[in-house]
Amino acid sequence: MSDRATPPPISENAPRLDWIPMGSPRLRPPAYLKDFQRGWWVNLFWAMFDAEPQGYLPVTSDLWLLSGALTPSRWESHRDRVLAAFENSVVEGAQVIFFPPLIEVLETQRKKLLRNRGRGGFSKPSNDESNFPTGRLLFNRISTEIARNGTNSPTSPV
């Protein structure tokens, strides 16, 4: 883990991303990691993606849990190679680790998202579950179709 790298500035109004393209080889774990360390790296990578601010993971005593290590002692004895793959800095007063290629991808995707919003286009598939009827709403739609058609197979998709 590098000491005190300067992370890119975090935009105050940066939209939170739900997904990123994973095709880039830059977003893969380093080849020098052992198999179980690669798993730890991947878990920390996604924890960074889910963290706030997005892309920066606070360094805390439970980092071993986030990594998926079996025990704290196993984490302590094998963490150095994993953490060496990340940069280390202070963001908003907290010690954090981050992965520069992830930050670059997040910034690129945010720019695309903002550009597409400006044109009125869509930047990502909708994951909004409110578009998918569930529970009572689904039951009501099916009941209405049955009552209308006298059959238990609706004529239109739910």
N, C-alpha and C. Protein backbone atom coordinates (compact mmCIF):
# COMPACT_ATOMS: atom_id res chain seq x y z
N MET A 1 0.86 -1.15 0.00
CA MET A 1 0.00 0.00 0.00
C MET A 1 0.90 1.21 0.00
N SER A 2 0.73 2.06 -0.97
CA SER A 2 1.54 3.26 -1.07
C SER A 2 1.18 4.22 0.04
N ASP A 3 2.15 4.98 0.52
CA ASP A 3 1.89 5.95 1.56
C ASP A 3 1.37 7.25 0.99
N ARG A 4 0.26 7.67 1.48
CA ARG A 4 -0.30 8.99 1.23
C ARG A 4 -0.33 9.41 -0.23
N ALA A 5 -0.89 8.61 -1.09
CA ALA A 5 -1.09 9.02 -2.47
C ALA A 5 -2.16 10.10 -2.48
N THR A 6 -2.10 10.97 -3.45
CA THR A 6 -3.11 12.01 -3.56
C THR A 6 -4.22 11.50 -4.46
N PRO A 7 -5.41 11.27 -3.89
CA PRO A 7 -6.49 10.76 -4.71
C PRO A 7 -7.08 11.87 -5.56
N PRO A 8 -7.73 11.51 -6.65
CA PRO A 8 -8.41 12.52 -7.45
C PRO A 8 -9.49 13.20 -6.61
N PRO A 9 -9.80 14.45 -6.90
CA PRO A 9 -10.84 15.13 -6.12
C PRO A 9 -12.19 14.46 -6.31
N ILE A 10 -13.01 14.51 -5.27
CA ILE A 10 -14.34 13.93 -5.32
C ILE A 10 -15.32 15.06 -5.60
N SER A 11 -16.06 14.92 -6.68
CA SER A 11 -17.04 15.94 -7.03
C SER A 11 -18.22 15.85 -6.06
N GLU A 12 -18.62 17.00 -5.55
CA GLU A 12 -19.72 17.04 -4.57
C GLU A 12 -21.03 16.53 -5.16
N ASN A 13 -21.28 16.80 -6.43
CA ASN A 13 -22.55 16.42 -7.03
C ASN A 13 -22.41 15.22 -7.97
N ALA A 14 -21.39 14.41 -7.74
CA ALA A 14 -21.17 13.24 -8.60
C ALA A 14 -22.27 12.21 -8.37
N PRO A 15 -22.92 11.78 -9.45
CA PRO A 15 -23.96 10.76 -9.28
C PRO A 15 -23.36 9.43 -8.84
N ARG A 16 -24.09 8.72 -8.02
CA ARG A 16 -23.66 7.39 -7.57
C ARG A 16 -23.96 6.40 -8.68
N LEU A 17 -23.00 5.57 -8.99
CA LEU A 17 -23.17 4.60 -10.06
C LEU A 17 -23.64 3.26 -9.50
N ASP A 18 -24.51 2.59 -10.24
CA ASP A 18 -25.00 1.27 -9.86
C ASP A 18 -24.17 0.16 -10.49
N TRP A 19 -23.43 0.49 -11.54
CA TRP A 19 -22.66 -0.51 -12.26
C TRP A 19 -21.50 0.17 -12.97
N ILE A 20 -20.51 -0.63 -13.34
CA ILE A 20 -19.38 -0.17 -14.14
C ILE A 20 -19.04 -1.26 -15.14
N PRO A 21 -18.48 -0.90 -16.30
CA PRO A 21 -18.05 -1.93 -17.24
C PRO A 21 -16.81 -2.64 -16.69
N MET A 22 -16.82 -3.95 -16.69
CA MET A 22 -15.72 -4.71 -16.09
C MET A 22 -14.77 -5.32 -17.12
N GLY A 23 -14.86 -4.91 -18.38
CA GLY A 23 -14.04 -5.52 -19.41
C GLY A 23 -12.57 -5.14 -19.37
N SER A 24 -12.23 -4.06 -18.72
CA SER A 24 -10.85 -3.58 -18.73
C SER A 24 -9.93 -4.47 -17.90
N PRO A 25 -8.79 -4.87 -18.46
CA PRO A 25 -7.82 -5.65 -17.68
C PRO A 25 -7.27 -4.86 -16.49
N ARG A 26 -7.38 -3.54 -16.53
CA ARG A 26 -6.89 -2.71 -15.43
C ARG A 26 -7.70 -2.93 -14.15
N LEU A 27 -8.90 -3.49 -14.28
CA LEU A 27 -9.76 -3.69 -13.11
C LEU A 27 -9.64 -5.10 -12.54
N ARG A 28 -8.63 -5.81 -12.91
CA ARG A 28 -8.41 -7.17 -12.40
C ARG A 28 -7.39 -7.16 -11.27
N PRO A 29 -7.45 -8.17 -10.41
CA PRO A 29 -6.46 -8.25 -9.33
C PRO A 29 -5.07 -8.50 -9.90
N PRO A 30 -4.03 -8.04 -9.21
CA PRO A 30 -2.66 -8.26 -9.68
C PRO A 30 -2.33 -9.75 -9.75
N ALA A 31 -1.55 -10.11 -10.73
CA ALA A 31 -1.19 -11.52 -10.95
C ALA A 31 -0.31 -12.07 -9.84
N TYR A 32 0.39 -11.23 -9.11
CA TYR A 32 1.31 -11.71 -8.07
C TYR A 32 0.59 -12.21 -6.82
N LEU A 33 -0.72 -12.00 -6.71
CA LEU A 33 -1.45 -12.45 -5.53
C LEU A 33 -1.72 -13.94 -5.59
N LYS A 34 -1.70 -14.59 -4.43
CA LYS A 34 -2.08 -15.99 -4.33
C LYS A 34 -3.60 -16.09 -4.50
N ASP A 35 -4.08 -17.29 -4.71
CA ASP A 35 -5.50 -17.48 -4.99
C ASP A 35 -6.41 -16.87 -3.92
N PHE A 36 -6.17 -17.15 -2.66
CA PHE A 36 -7.04 -16.62 -1.62
C PHE A 36 -6.88 -15.10 -1.48
N GLN A 37 -5.68 -14.58 -1.79
CA GLN A 37 -5.48 -13.14 -1.75
C GLN A 37 -6.24 -12.44 -2.88
N ARG A 38 -6.36 -13.11 -4.00
CA ARG A 38 -7.15 -12.55 -5.11
C ARG A 38 -8.61 -12.40 -4.68
N GLY A 39 -9.11 -13.40 -3.96
CA GLY A 39 -10.46 -13.30 -3.44
C GLY A 39 -10.62 -12.13 -2.48
N TRP A 40 -9.66 -11.94 -1.62
CA TRP A 40 -9.68 -10.80 -0.70
C TRP A 40 -9.68 -9.49 -1.47
N TRP A 41 -8.80 -9.43 -2.49
CA TRP A 41 -8.71 -8.22 -3.31
C TRP A 41 -10.05 -7.90 -3.96
N VAL A 42 -10.68 -8.92 -4.55
CA VAL A 42 -11.97 -8.71 -5.22
C VAL A 42 -13.01 -8.21 -4.21
N ASN A 43 -13.05 -8.81 -3.02
CA ASN A 43 -14.01 -8.36 -2.01
C ASN A 43 -13.76 -6.92 -1.60
N LEU A 44 -12.51 -6.54 -1.45
CA LEU A 44 -12.19 -5.15 -1.09
C LEU A 44 -12.52 -4.20 -2.25
N PHE A 45 -12.29 -4.63 -3.47
CA PHE A 45 -12.62 -3.85 -4.66
C PHE A 45 -14.12 -3.50 -4.66
N TRP A 46 -14.97 -4.51 -4.45
CA TRP A 46 -16.41 -4.26 -4.47
C TRP A 46 -16.86 -3.49 -3.23
N ALA A 47 -16.17 -3.66 -2.12
CA ALA A 47 -16.48 -2.84 -0.94
C ALA A 47 -16.17 -1.38 -1.24
N MET A 48 -15.10 -1.11 -1.99
CA MET A 48 -14.79 0.26 -2.42
C MET A 48 -15.90 0.81 -3.30
N PHE A 49 -16.37 -0.02 -4.21
CA PHE A 49 -17.44 0.40 -5.12
C PHE A 49 -18.70 0.76 -4.33
N ASP A 50 -18.98 0.00 -3.28
CA ASP A 50 -20.19 0.23 -2.48
C ASP A 50 -20.03 1.31 -1.41
N ALA A 51 -18.79 1.72 -1.15
CA ALA A 51 -18.50 2.65 -0.05
C ALA A 51 -18.95 4.07 -0.38
N GLU A 52 -18.96 4.89 0.63
CA GLU A 52 -19.26 6.31 0.47
C GLU A 52 -18.12 7.11 1.07
N PRO A 53 -17.42 7.94 0.33
CA PRO A 53 -17.62 8.22 -1.09
C PRO A 53 -17.23 7.01 -1.93
N GLN A 54 -17.93 6.88 -3.03
CA GLN A 54 -17.77 5.71 -3.88
C GLN A 54 -16.34 5.61 -4.40
N GLY A 55 -15.73 4.44 -4.20
CA GLY A 55 -14.38 4.18 -4.66
C GLY A 55 -13.32 4.26 -3.57
N TYR A 56 -13.70 4.75 -2.39
CA TYR A 56 -12.74 4.93 -1.29
C TYR A 56 -13.21 4.14 -0.08
N LEU A 57 -12.39 3.22 0.39
CA LEU A 57 -12.76 2.35 1.50
C LEU A 57 -12.01 2.76 2.76
N PRO A 58 -12.75 3.13 3.82
CA PRO A 58 -12.08 3.49 5.08
C PRO A 58 -11.29 2.30 5.64
N VAL A 59 -10.10 2.59 6.14
CA VAL A 59 -9.27 1.55 6.75
C VAL A 59 -9.71 1.45 8.21
N THR A 60 -10.33 0.32 8.55
CA THR A 60 -10.83 0.08 9.90
C THR A 60 -10.35 -1.27 10.39
N SER A 61 -10.62 -1.55 11.64
CA SER A 61 -10.18 -2.82 12.23
C SER A 61 -10.93 -4.02 11.65
N ASP A 62 -12.06 -3.79 10.98
CA ASP A 62 -12.81 -4.91 10.41
C ASP A 62 -12.54 -5.12 8.92
N LEU A 63 -11.44 -4.58 8.43
CA LEU A 63 -11.08 -4.78 7.03
C LEU A 63 -10.93 -6.26 6.71
N TRP A 64 -10.49 -7.04 7.68
CA TRP A 64 -10.34 -8.48 7.47
C TRP A 64 -11.69 -9.14 7.18
N LEU A 65 -12.76 -8.63 7.80
CA LEU A 65 -14.09 -9.17 7.53
C LEU A 65 -14.55 -8.83 6.12
N LEU A 66 -14.33 -7.59 5.73
CA LEU A 66 -14.71 -7.16 4.38
C LEU A 66 -13.96 -7.95 3.31
N SER A 67 -12.72 -8.31 3.62
CA SER A 67 -11.91 -9.05 2.65
C SER A 67 -12.38 -10.49 2.49
N GLY A 68 -13.03 -11.00 3.52
CA GLY A 68 -13.45 -12.40 3.47
C GLY A 68 -12.43 -13.34 4.09
N ALA A 69 -11.43 -12.79 4.77
CA ALA A 69 -10.43 -13.64 5.43
C ALA A 69 -11.12 -14.49 6.50
N LEU A 70 -10.62 -15.68 6.71
CA LEU A 70 -11.24 -16.59 7.68
C LEU A 70 -11.08 -16.12 9.11
N THR A 71 -9.92 -15.56 9.43
CA THR A 71 -9.64 -15.11 10.79
C THR A 71 -8.81 -13.84 10.75
N PRO A 72 -8.84 -13.05 11.82
CA PRO A 72 -7.99 -11.86 11.85
C PRO A 72 -6.51 -12.21 11.75
N SER A 73 -6.09 -13.31 12.36
CA SER A 73 -4.67 -13.67 12.31
C SER A 73 -4.24 -14.04 10.88
N ARG A 74 -5.10 -14.72 10.15
CA ARG A 74 -4.79 -15.05 8.75
C ARG A 74 -4.67 -13.76 7.94
N TRP A 75 -5.59 -12.83 8.16
CA TRP A 75 -5.54 -11.53 7.49
C TRP A 75 -4.22 -10.82 7.81
N GLU A 76 -3.88 -10.77 9.09
CA GLU A 76 -2.66 -10.08 9.52
C GLU A 76 -1.41 -10.66 8.86
N SER A 77 -1.37 -11.97 8.71
CA SER A 77 -0.16 -12.59 8.17
C SER A 77 -0.08 -12.55 6.64
N HIS A 78 -1.18 -12.25 5.95
CA HIS A 78 -1.16 -12.28 4.48
C HIS A 78 -1.69 -11.00 3.82
N ARG A 79 -1.98 -9.97 4.58
CA ARG A 79 -2.62 -8.77 4.03
C ARG A 79 -1.69 -7.85 3.24
N ASP A 80 -0.41 -7.85 3.55
CA ASP A 80 0.51 -6.87 2.96
C ASP A 80 0.50 -6.88 1.43
N ARG A 81 0.52 -8.06 0.84
CA ARG A 81 0.52 -8.14 -0.63
C ARG A 81 -0.79 -7.65 -1.22
N VAL A 82 -1.90 -7.89 -0.52
CA VAL A 82 -3.20 -7.43 -0.99
C VAL A 82 -3.27 -5.91 -0.91
N LEU A 83 -2.91 -5.36 0.23
CA LEU A 83 -2.98 -3.92 0.43
C LEU A 83 -1.99 -3.16 -0.45
N ALA A 84 -0.92 -3.83 -0.86
CA ALA A 84 0.06 -3.19 -1.74
C ALA A 84 -0.53 -2.87 -3.11
N ALA A 85 -1.61 -3.53 -3.46
CA ALA A 85 -2.26 -3.29 -4.75
C ALA A 85 -3.11 -2.01 -4.74
N PHE A 86 -3.35 -1.45 -3.57
CA PHE A 86 -4.18 -0.26 -3.43
C PHE A 86 -3.34 0.93 -3.01
N GLU A 87 -3.87 2.11 -3.26
CA GLU A 87 -3.24 3.34 -2.79
C GLU A 87 -3.84 3.70 -1.44
N ASN A 88 -3.11 4.48 -0.68
CA ASN A 88 -3.50 4.86 0.67
C ASN A 88 -3.52 6.38 0.76
N SER A 89 -4.57 6.93 1.36
CA SER A 89 -4.65 8.38 1.50
C SER A 89 -5.62 8.74 2.61
N VAL A 90 -5.83 10.04 2.79
CA VAL A 90 -6.82 10.55 3.73
C VAL A 90 -7.87 11.29 2.91
N VAL A 91 -9.12 10.90 3.06
CA VAL A 91 -10.23 11.53 2.37
C VAL A 91 -11.27 11.89 3.41
N GLU A 92 -11.68 13.15 3.41
CA GLU A 92 -12.67 13.64 4.36
C GLU A 92 -12.28 13.28 5.79
N GLY A 93 -11.00 13.37 6.10
CA GLY A 93 -10.50 13.13 7.44
C GLY A 93 -10.32 11.67 7.84
N ALA A 94 -10.59 10.75 6.95
CA ALA A 94 -10.48 9.32 7.26
C ALA A 94 -9.38 8.68 6.42
N GLN A 95 -8.64 7.76 7.03
CA GLN A 95 -7.65 6.96 6.30
C GLN A 95 -8.41 6.01 5.38
N VAL A 96 -8.09 6.02 4.09
CA VAL A 96 -8.78 5.19 3.11
C VAL A 96 -7.78 4.48 2.21
N ILE A 97 -8.27 3.42 1.57
CA ILE A 97 -7.55 2.81 0.46
C ILE A 97 -8.42 2.98 -0.77
N PHE A 98 -7.78 3.07 -1.92
CA PHE A 98 -8.51 3.17 -3.18
C PHE A 98 -7.68 2.54 -4.28
N PHE A 99 -8.35 2.23 -5.38
CA PHE A 99 -7.69 1.61 -6.53
C PHE A 99 -7.80 2.60 -7.68
N PRO A 100 -6.70 3.25 -8.07
CA PRO A 100 -6.77 4.30 -9.09
C PRO A 100 -7.52 3.92 -10.37
N PRO A 101 -7.33 2.71 -10.93
CA PRO A 101 -8.13 2.39 -12.12
C PRO A 101 -9.64 2.38 -11.86
N LEU A 102 -10.07 1.99 -10.67
CA LEU A 102 -11.50 2.05 -10.33
C LEU A 102 -11.97 3.50 -10.30
N ILE A 103 -11.20 4.37 -9.70
CA ILE A 103 -11.56 5.78 -9.62
C ILE A 103 -11.68 6.36 -11.03
N GLU A 104 -10.73 6.00 -11.91
CA GLU A 104 -10.77 6.49 -13.29
C GLU A 104 -12.03 6.02 -14.01
N VAL A 105 -12.38 4.74 -13.84
CA VAL A 105 -13.58 4.20 -14.49
C VAL A 105 -14.83 4.89 -13.93
N LEU A 106 -14.88 5.09 -12.62
CA LEU A 106 -16.03 5.78 -12.03
C LEU A 106 -16.18 7.18 -12.61
N GLU A 107 -15.09 7.92 -12.72
CA GLU A 107 -15.14 9.28 -13.26
C GLU A 107 -15.57 9.28 -14.74
N THR A 108 -15.03 8.35 -15.51
CA THR A 108 -15.40 8.25 -16.93
C THR A 108 -16.89 7.94 -17.06
N GLN A 109 -17.38 6.99 -16.28
CA GLN A 109 -18.79 6.63 -16.36
C GLN A 109 -19.69 7.77 -15.90
N ARG A 110 -19.27 8.49 -14.87
CA ARG A 110 -20.06 9.64 -14.40
C ARG A 110 -20.17 10.71 -15.48
N LYS A 111 -19.07 10.97 -16.18
CA LYS A 111 -19.10 11.95 -17.27
C LYS A 111 -20.07 11.50 -18.36
N LYS A 112 -20.02 10.22 -18.71
CA LYS A 112 -20.94 9.68 -19.71
C LYS A 112 -22.39 9.80 -19.24
N LEU A 113 -22.62 9.49 -17.98
CA LEU A 113 -23.96 9.56 -17.41
C LEU A 113 -24.49 10.99 -17.48
N LEU A 114 -23.69 11.94 -17.07
CA LEU A 114 -24.12 13.35 -17.09
C LEU A 114 -24.32 13.84 -18.51
N ARG A 115 -23.46 13.44 -19.43
CA ARG A 115 -23.60 13.83 -20.84
C ARG A 115 -24.90 13.25 -21.42
N ASN A 116 -25.19 11.99 -21.12
CA ASN A 116 -26.41 11.35 -21.63
C ASN A 116 -27.66 11.95 -21.01
N ARG A 117 -27.60 12.31 -19.73
CA ARG A 117 -28.75 12.94 -19.10
C ARG A 117 -29.05 14.28 -19.75
N GLY A 118 -28.00 15.00 -20.13
CA GLY A 118 -28.16 16.30 -20.77
C GLY A 118 -28.86 16.18 -22.12
N ARG A 119 -28.65 15.07 -22.81
CA ARG A 119 -29.29 14.84 -24.11
C ARG A 119 -30.65 14.18 -23.96
N GLY A 120 -31.00 13.80 -22.74
CA GLY A 120 -32.27 13.13 -22.52
C GLY A 120 -32.22 11.65 -22.80
N GLY A 121 -31.03 11.11 -23.00
CA GLY A 121 -30.89 9.68 -23.28
C GLY A 121 -30.79 8.87 -22.00
N PHE A 122 -30.75 7.59 -22.17
CA PHE A 122 -30.62 6.70 -21.03
C PHE A 122 -29.18 6.25 -20.94
N SER A 123 -28.65 6.19 -19.74
CA SER A 123 -27.26 5.80 -19.58
C SER A 123 -27.10 4.39 -19.04
N LYS A 124 -28.17 3.81 -18.54
CA LYS A 124 -28.05 2.48 -17.96
C LYS A 124 -29.42 1.82 -17.96
N PRO A 125 -29.46 0.50 -17.92
CA PRO A 125 -30.75 -0.16 -17.80
C PRO A 125 -31.35 0.14 -16.44
N SER A 126 -32.66 0.21 -16.41
CA SER A 126 -33.32 0.51 -15.14
C SER A 126 -33.36 -0.72 -14.26
N ASN A 127 -32.88 -0.55 -13.04
CA ASN A 127 -32.95 -1.62 -12.05
C ASN A 127 -34.05 -1.31 -11.04
N ASP A 128 -34.89 -0.36 -11.36
CA ASP A 128 -35.94 0.08 -10.46
C ASP A 128 -36.99 -1.01 -10.36
N GLU A 129 -37.07 -1.65 -9.22
CA GLU A 129 -37.99 -2.77 -9.05
C GLU A 129 -39.45 -2.34 -9.05
N SER A 130 -39.71 -1.03 -8.96
CA SER A 130 -41.10 -0.59 -8.98
C SER A 130 -41.72 -0.83 -10.35
N ASN A 131 -40.89 -1.06 -11.39
CA ASN A 131 -41.41 -1.38 -12.72
C ASN A 131 -41.92 -2.81 -12.79
N PHE A 132 -41.58 -3.63 -11.83
CA PHE A 132 -41.97 -5.03 -11.84
C PHE A 132 -43.02 -5.26 -10.77
N PRO A 133 -44.25 -5.60 -11.18
CA PRO A 133 -45.30 -5.78 -10.19
C PRO A 133 -45.02 -6.99 -9.30
N THR A 134 -45.22 -6.81 -8.02
CA THR A 134 -45.04 -7.90 -7.08
C THR A 134 -46.18 -7.88 -6.08
N GLY A 135 -46.29 -8.95 -5.34
CA GLY A 135 -47.24 -9.02 -4.24
C GLY A 135 -48.66 -8.69 -4.65
N ARG A 136 -49.28 -7.77 -3.92
CA ARG A 136 -50.69 -7.42 -4.10
C ARG A 136 -50.96 -6.85 -5.48
N LEU A 137 -50.04 -6.01 -6.00
CA LEU A 137 -50.21 -5.41 -7.32
C LEU A 137 -50.27 -6.50 -8.39
N LEU A 138 -49.39 -7.47 -8.31
CA LEU A 138 -49.38 -8.57 -9.27
C LEU A 138 -50.67 -9.38 -9.16
N PHE A 139 -51.10 -9.69 -7.94
CA PHE A 139 -52.33 -10.43 -7.73
C PHE A 139 -53.52 -9.68 -8.33
N ASN A 140 -53.57 -8.36 -8.10
CA ASN A 140 -54.68 -7.56 -8.63
C ASN A 140 -54.70 -7.56 -10.15
N ARG A 141 -53.55 -7.46 -10.79
CA ARG A 141 -53.50 -7.47 -12.25
C ARG A 141 -53.98 -8.81 -12.81
N ILE A 142 -53.53 -9.90 -12.19
CA ILE A 142 -53.94 -11.23 -12.66
C ILE A 142 -55.43 -11.43 -12.42
N SER A 143 -55.92 -11.03 -11.25
CA SER A 143 -57.34 -11.17 -10.95
C SER A 143 -58.19 -10.39 -11.94
N THR A 144 -57.76 -9.20 -12.29
CA THR A 144 -58.49 -8.38 -13.25
C THR A 144 -58.55 -9.06 -14.61
N GLU A 145 -57.42 -9.62 -15.06
CA GLU A 145 -57.37 -10.32 -16.34
C GLU A 145 -58.29 -11.54 -16.33
N ILE A 146 -58.28 -12.27 -15.24
CA ILE A 146 -59.14 -13.46 -15.14
C ILE A 146 -60.60 -13.05 -15.20
N ALA A 147 -60.95 -12.02 -14.46
CA ALA A 147 -62.34 -11.55 -14.46
C ALA A 147 -62.74 -11.05 -15.84
N ARG A 148 -61.86 -10.38 -16.52
CA ARG A 148 -62.15 -9.81 -17.84
C ARG A 148 -62.27 -10.90 -18.90
N ASN A 149 -61.41 -11.91 -18.85
CA ASN A 149 -61.36 -12.92 -19.90
C ASN A 149 -62.01 -14.24 -19.52
N GLY A 150 -62.33 -14.42 -18.25
CA GLY A 150 -62.93 -15.66 -17.83
C GLY A 150 -61.97 -16.84 -17.88
N THR A 151 -60.70 -16.57 -17.83
CA THR A 151 -59.70 -17.62 -17.89
C THR A 151 -58.59 -17.31 -16.89
N ASN A 152 -57.79 -18.29 -16.61
CA ASN A 152 -56.71 -18.06 -15.67
C ASN A 152 -55.37 -17.82 -16.37
N SER A 153 -55.41 -17.58 -17.69
CA SER A 153 -54.18 -17.23 -18.40
C SER A 153 -54.34 -15.84 -19.00
N PRO A 154 -53.68 -14.86 -18.43
CA PRO A 154 -53.82 -13.49 -18.90
C PRO A 154 -53.41 -13.36 -20.38
N THR A 155 -54.09 -12.47 -21.08
CA THR A 155 -53.78 -12.26 -22.48
C THR A 155 -52.58 -11.36 -22.69
N SER A 156 -52.29 -10.51 -21.72
CA SER A 156 -51.13 -9.63 -21.87
C SER A 156 -50.12 -9.94 -20.76
N PRO A 157 -48.87 -9.69 -21.06
CA PRO A 157 -47.86 -9.95 -20.02
C PRO A 157 -48.09 -9.04 -18.82
N VAL A 158 -47.78 -9.58 -17.67
CA VAL A 158 -47.98 -8.83 -16.43
C VAL A 158 -46.89 -7.82 -16.26
